[in-house]
Amino acid sequence: MLDEEHFVFLARESMRTGLSRSELVRRALDETFRPEARKRLRGFDVSFGLWRHPDAALAGRRAGPR
């Protein structure tokens, strides 16, 4: 079950991107919980950030180089 705010966000993103709400949810789940399933391209991935209270689902989920 989604609360109203999440449902409205998904509906707007669906209209903006042309993707179904289900596809947006699938992509969000894969991105968050199955990063190894993402397609990879050769190149560099550089990121830097400071968070006072990082989201537990995001903190430390990146694996080292493969």
C-alpha atoms as a PDB file:
ATOM      1  CA  MET A   1       0.000   0.000   0.000  1.00  0.00           C
ATOM      2  CA  LEU A   2       1.239   3.465  -0.862  1.00  0.00           C
ATOM      3  CA  ASP A   3       0.284   6.614   0.930  1.00  0.00           C
ATOM      4  CA  GLU A   4      -1.243   9.451  -1.097  1.00  0.00           C
ATOM      5  CA  GLU A   5       2.037  11.363  -1.444  1.00  0.00           C
ATOM      6  CA  HIS A   6       3.870   8.366  -2.940  1.00  0.00           C
ATOM      7  CA  PHE A   7       1.000   7.529  -5.263  1.00  0.00           C
ATOM      8  CA  VAL A   8       0.851  11.110  -6.579  1.00  0.00           C
ATOM      9  CA  PHE A   9       4.621  11.140  -7.077  1.00  0.00           C
ATOM     10  CA  LEU A  10       4.501   7.869  -9.048  1.00  0.00           C
ATOM     11  CA  ALA A  11       1.574   9.105 -11.141  1.00  0.00           C
ATOM     12  CA  ARG A  12       3.449  12.323 -12.018  1.00  0.00           C
ATOM     13  CA  GLU A  13       6.669  10.468 -12.829  1.00  0.00           C
ATOM     14  CA  SER A  14       4.692   8.041 -14.959  1.00  0.00           C
ATOM     15  CA  MET A  15       3.223  10.900 -16.976  1.00  0.00           C
ATOM     16  CA  ARG A  16       6.581  12.670 -17.215  1.00  0.00           C
ATOM     17  CA  THR A  17       8.566   9.622 -18.335  1.00  0.00           C
ATOM     18  CA  GLY A  18       5.916   7.604 -20.170  1.00  0.00           C
ATOM     19  CA  LEU A  19       6.747   4.568 -17.997  1.00  0.00           C
ATOM     20  CA  SER A  20       4.079   2.688 -16.078  1.00  0.00           C
ATOM     21  CA  ARG A  21       3.924   3.052 -12.309  1.00  0.00           C
ATOM     22  CA  SER A  22       4.796  -0.648 -12.037  1.00  0.00           C
ATOM     23  CA  GLU A  23       7.936  -0.181 -14.130  1.00  0.00           C
ATOM     24  CA  LEU A  24       8.998   2.785 -11.991  1.00  0.00           C
ATOM     25  CA  VAL A  25       8.590   0.667  -8.841  1.00  0.00           C
ATOM     26  CA  ARG A  26      10.535  -2.239 -10.384  1.00  0.00           C
ATOM     27  CA  ARG A  27      13.376   0.100 -11.369  1.00  0.00           C
ATOM     28  CA  ALA A  28      13.451   1.672  -7.906  1.00  0.00           C
ATOM     29  CA  LEU A  29      13.617  -1.765  -6.253  1.00  0.00           C
ATOM     30  CA  ASP A  30      16.403  -2.943  -8.562  1.00  0.00           C
ATOM     31  CA  GLU A  31      18.368   0.275  -8.080  1.00  0.00           C
ATOM     32  CA  THR A  32      18.102   0.137  -4.290  1.00  0.00           C
ATOM     33  CA  PHE A  33      18.205  -3.549  -3.420  1.00  0.00           C
ATOM     34  CA  ARG A  34      19.869  -5.253  -6.409  1.00  0.00           C
ATOM     35  CA  PRO A  35      22.649  -2.943  -7.572  1.00  0.00           C
ATOM     36  CA  GLU A  36      24.530  -5.916  -9.045  1.00  0.00           C
ATOM     37  CA  ALA A  37      21.628  -6.458 -11.476  1.00  0.00           C
ATOM     38  CA  ARG A  38      22.063  -3.017 -13.045  1.00  0.00           C
ATOM     39  CA  LYS A  39      23.613  -2.792 -16.471  1.00  0.00           C
ATOM     40  CA  ARG A  40      27.161  -1.506 -16.310  1.00  0.00           C
ATOM     41  CA  LEU A  41      29.055   0.598 -18.782  1.00  0.00           C
ATOM     42  CA  ARG A  42      32.800   1.066 -19.002  1.00  0.00           C
ATOM     43  CA  GLY A  43      33.924   4.358 -17.548  1.00  0.00           C
ATOM     44  CA  PHE A  44      34.279   6.123 -14.258  1.00  0.00           C
ATOM     45  CA  ASP A  45      31.831   6.549 -11.443  1.00  0.00           C
ATOM     46  CA  VAL A  46      32.852   9.362  -9.143  1.00  0.00           C
ATOM     47  CA  SER A  47      30.686  10.543  -6.310  1.00  0.00           C
ATOM     48  CA  PHE A  48      31.097  12.466  -3.104  1.00  0.00           C
ATOM     49  CA  GLY A  49      28.582  13.446  -0.505  1.00  0.00           C
ATOM     50  CA  LEU A  50      28.087  14.368   3.110  1.00  0.00           C
ATOM     51  CA  TRP A  51      24.928  13.471   4.983  1.00  0.00           C
ATOM     52  CA  ARG A  52      24.103  14.179   8.554  1.00  0.00           C
ATOM     53  CA  HIS A  53      21.634  11.252   8.667  1.00  0.00           C
ATOM     54  CA  PRO A  54      22.144   8.951   5.648  1.00  0.00           C
ATOM     55  CA  ASP A  55      19.334   6.684   4.519  1.00  0.00           C
ATOM     56  CA  ALA A  56      20.103   3.183   5.823  1.00  0.00           C
ATOM     57  CA  ALA A  57      19.066   1.660   2.485  1.00  0.00           C
ATOM     58  CA  LEU A  58      21.708   3.704   0.678  1.00  0.00           C
ATOM     59  CA  ALA A  59      24.555   3.877   3.174  1.00  0.00           C
ATOM     60  CA  GLY A  60      27.269   1.376   2.371  1.00  0.00           C
ATOM     61  CA  ARG A  61      25.395  -0.444  -0.370  1.00  0.00           C
ATOM     62  CA  ARG A  62      28.063   0.160  -3.002  1.00  0.00           C
ATOM     63  CA  ALA A  63      30.359  -2.761  -3.522  1.00  0.00           C
ATOM     64  CA  GLY A  64      34.004  -2.252  -4.367  1.00  0.00           C
ATOM     65  CA  PRO A  65      35.388  -2.547  -7.906  1.00  0.00           C
ATOM     66  CA  ARG A  66      34.388  -5.697  -9.764  1.00  0.00           C
END
